[in-house]
Amino acid sequence: MFERRLYHHIDWGLITAVAALCGLGLANIYSATGGWTGIVQTQISGIVLGTIALIVCLSLDYRSLADKSHFIYIAIVALLIYVLFFGAVRGGSRRWIDLGPVNLQPSEFAKAALALVLAKFFGESRRWSVTRVDLLIAGALTAVPVLIIARQPDLGTAVTLIPVALAIAYVAGMPMRLLGTLAVVGVLAAPVAWKFALQDYQKERVETFLNPEQDARGAGYQQIQARITVGSGGLWGKGFNEGTQGQLRFLPVAHNDFIFSVLAEEHGFAGVLVALGLYLFVILRALEAARLAKDRLGAYLVLGVLATFTFQVIYNITMSAGLAPVKGLTLPLMSYGGSSMIATLAGFGLILNVRMRRFTN
């Protein structure tokens, strides 16, 4: 459990930046939804529960958590299988466990669970390079939750688990040529995936991204409105609670997938720079935590958690700017979503944990 002397090694700068992003997101959700709504209250609840999860993940030694990572992994996979058969259906997807007043999305917690089990797997190895058997085992551990989540269907969240595995395997010693081979295989397999793996609505999203004007009032509407929303903010923005695209519902689900567009409209390029600066600070501080880690286990754990976080930030921002296909990926710490907020803050609890315990035995 938490030792008092470790208090002095907590990265308060990282905590402050994470809290600032949560506050910025909450303010924009308040504006996008028209005031003190149930959505705002739910987001506050998510932040409170996420803070508790952060404290728990910070207090328990990450090595003890890693020792139990296989149990955590199995529990998450079991929840994902449960969701596949008995989960609540919304918008054509079966992703949630209905707990009455709240809904739990286990796929959000699969990221930290996968980071823990892979960090434990590679961190315990006495070798400074990985074998094919190591990569096959890591690939199987990754493929199980990825395939289950993709069946919900939730391809966006499923894809966010892949950077976790790639980041940990790479720093563990996976050769660059193998990474290049995987990239080539992915490109060559794209036509096959297009024909046999992707659903019709997923193909439509890609086609719409390439030419949104072909169906400006239908499939391309969201992407066009996102561009308009971002561009209308100018240098200084329209002002807090003065945006029109989000508040007047021209931009669908503005409080969730497109919260960055709301930020750009109301606070302009200046507000965008502030948000990007905070995200960059968070990423750099997390990288420093990996560098300072006392063991490979801690470094791998931090990089695994950070990889999925960074991927989501980059994808959501480029999507909001119309530079990537529209996908249901939240902007971590800012978008609406209780499970996403709790899982993200728990992940930062693990990062803080590793940095704080760099001087312990």
Foldseek 3Di string as FASTA:
>chain_A
DADPVLVVLFPVVLVVLLVVLLVVLLLLLCLLAPHDDPLSVLSVVLQVLLLVLLVVLQRDFLVVVLVCLVVVLVVLLVVLVCQLPPADDDPNFRAWHDPDVDTAGSLLQNLLSLLSPLLSLLQPDPDQADDPVNLVVNVVSLVSSLVSCCSSPANPSSVLNVLLSVQLNVNSHYDPVVVVVVVVVCVVCVVVCLVPPDDPVVNVLVVCLVPVVVCCPPSSVQQVLLQVLLVQQAAAAPARSRGDCSNVVSHPLCQWLNSVSSQCRHGNPVSVVVSVVSVVVSLVVLQVLLVLFQGSSLNSSSSSLSRSLVVLQVQSVCSSNSNDGDHRGGNQSNHRDSNSPSSNSSSVSSSSNRSSCSPPD
